[in-house]
Amino acid sequence: MFCPQCGKEYAQRVNFCCHCGTALSIPVTHIEKKLRRSRKDSKIAGVCGGFADYLDLDSTLVRILWLMLAFFGGWGVIGYFIAWIVMPEEPLPQAAAATAGAAIPQPAGNQ
């Protein structure tokens, strides 16, 4: 790895040059996840799918845990309805659909 500013060679991967301070690698930015009801992974209202997306878990596991909470704790049904009301729904992918439709070439008509 070489510094583009001063030409110093490094044997290992470094973030900044120790001689001139130039950034050698771009830091990874994390996308902020928001808790939303899922549109693509929903059985009733998308609450379990939304929690699964937010927690990076399998949605089936979240559904099983929610059912266990409902049957054994008694608060699962009430919590589900509260989450249904409070959690916003995932937005529609409108920008991707609009650009995909415009990018598809249309065949010329035969005359």
Protein backbone atom coordinates (compact mmCIF):
# COMPACT_ATOMS: atom_id res chain seq x y z
CA MET A 1 0.00 0.00 0.00
CA PHE A 2 1.38 3.39 -1.01
CA CYS A 3 0.43 6.87 0.16
CA PRO A 4 -0.69 8.88 -2.90
CA GLN A 5 0.45 12.13 -1.27
CA CYS A 6 4.01 11.41 -0.09
CA GLY A 7 4.76 7.97 -1.62
CA LYS A 8 5.46 6.20 1.69
CA GLU A 9 5.06 2.41 1.41
CA TYR A 10 3.18 0.46 4.09
CA ALA A 11 3.35 -3.32 4.54
CA GLN A 12 -0.01 -3.45 6.33
CA ARG A 13 -3.35 -1.84 5.65
CA VAL A 14 -3.53 1.51 7.43
CA ASN A 15 -6.19 4.20 7.55
CA PHE A 16 -3.94 7.27 7.52
CA CYS A 17 -0.37 7.99 6.43
CA CYS A 18 1.87 8.58 9.46
CA HIS A 19 4.02 11.09 7.56
CA CYS A 20 1.50 13.39 5.88
CA GLY A 21 -1.86 12.38 7.42
CA THR A 22 -3.60 11.57 4.13
CA ALA A 23 -6.54 9.19 4.39
CA LEU A 24 -5.55 5.93 2.70
CA SER A 25 -8.82 4.05 3.04
CA ILE A 26 -12.39 5.23 3.04
CA PRO A 27 -14.10 4.51 6.37
CA VAL A 28 -17.12 2.25 6.15
CA THR A 29 -20.30 4.10 6.99
CA HIS A 30 -23.16 2.23 8.53
CA ILE A 31 -26.64 2.82 7.22
CA GLU A 32 -28.97 3.76 10.03
CA LYS A 33 -31.71 1.17 10.27
CA LYS A 34 -35.16 2.21 11.32
CA LEU A 35 -37.77 -0.03 12.89
CA ARG A 36 -40.57 -0.32 10.31
CA ARG A 37 -43.24 -2.84 9.41
CA SER A 38 -42.08 -4.96 6.51
CA ARG A 39 -43.96 -4.93 3.19
CA LYS A 40 -42.16 -7.88 1.63
CA ASP A 41 -42.08 -10.21 4.66
CA SER A 42 -45.51 -9.91 6.24
CA LYS A 43 -48.07 -12.48 7.29
CA ILE A 44 -50.54 -10.27 9.16
CA ALA A 45 -49.20 -6.72 9.43
CA GLY A 46 -45.44 -7.05 8.89
CA VAL A 47 -44.51 -6.46 12.54
CA CYS A 48 -42.44 -9.64 12.95
CA GLY A 49 -40.81 -9.12 9.56
CA GLY A 50 -39.90 -5.57 10.56
CA PHE A 51 -38.37 -6.70 13.84
CA ALA A 52 -36.46 -9.44 11.97
CA ASP A 53 -35.04 -6.91 9.48
CA TYR A 54 -34.08 -4.53 12.28
CA LEU A 55 -32.41 -7.21 14.44
CA ASP A 56 -30.89 -9.15 11.49
CA LEU A 57 -32.73 -12.33 12.46
CA ASP A 58 -34.81 -14.85 10.55
CA SER A 59 -38.44 -13.77 10.45
CA THR A 60 -39.63 -17.29 11.30
CA LEU A 61 -37.62 -17.21 14.52
CA VAL A 62 -39.14 -13.85 15.46
CA ARG A 63 -42.65 -15.21 14.76
CA ILE A 64 -42.00 -18.27 16.95
CA LEU A 65 -40.68 -16.08 19.77
CA TRP A 66 -43.71 -13.79 19.44
CA LEU A 67 -46.10 -16.76 19.63
CA MET A 68 -44.31 -18.10 22.70
CA LEU A 69 -44.66 -14.68 24.31
CA ALA A 70 -48.36 -14.63 23.41
CA PHE A 71 -49.09 -18.10 24.81
CA PHE A 72 -46.86 -18.14 27.89
CA GLY A 73 -46.55 -14.49 28.81
CA GLY A 74 -49.93 -13.25 27.68
CA TRP A 75 -48.53 -9.94 26.45
CA GLY A 76 -47.71 -11.05 22.90
CA VAL A 77 -51.09 -10.21 21.37
CA ILE A 78 -51.29 -6.82 23.09
CA GLY A 79 -47.70 -6.05 22.15
CA TYR A 80 -48.34 -7.04 18.53
CA PHE A 81 -51.32 -4.69 18.24
CA ILE A 82 -49.40 -1.85 19.88
CA ALA A 83 -46.46 -2.42 17.49
CA TRP A 84 -48.92 -2.56 14.57
CA ILE A 85 -50.24 0.87 15.50
CA VAL A 86 -46.95 2.52 16.48
CA MET A 87 -44.52 1.17 13.85
CA PRO A 88 -44.60 3.00 10.50
CA GLU A 89 -44.86 0.92 7.36
CA GLU A 90 -41.85 0.48 5.11
CA PRO A 91 -41.99 2.97 2.21
CA LEU A 92 -42.70 1.77 -1.30
CA PRO A 93 -39.69 1.52 -3.61
CA GLN A 94 -41.07 4.18 -5.99
CA ALA A 95 -37.75 5.51 -7.27
CA ALA A 96 -36.49 2.08 -8.32
CA ALA A 97 -39.75 1.21 -10.07
CA ALA A 98 -39.84 4.53 -11.94
CA THR A 99 -36.27 4.27 -13.20
CA ALA A 100 -36.60 0.59 -14.13
CA GLY A 101 -39.63 1.28 -16.31
CA ALA A 102 -37.87 4.11 -18.13
CA ALA A 103 -34.70 2.09 -18.74
CA ILE A 104 -36.45 -0.76 -20.60
CA PRO A 105 -36.22 -0.15 -24.36
CA GLN A 106 -39.46 -0.47 -26.26
CA PRO A 107 -39.46 -2.41 -29.54
CA ALA A 108 -40.22 -0.48 -32.71
CA GLY A 109 -43.62 -1.15 -34.24
CA ASN A 110 -43.85 -3.02 -37.55
CA GLN A 111 -45.52 -1.14 -40.39
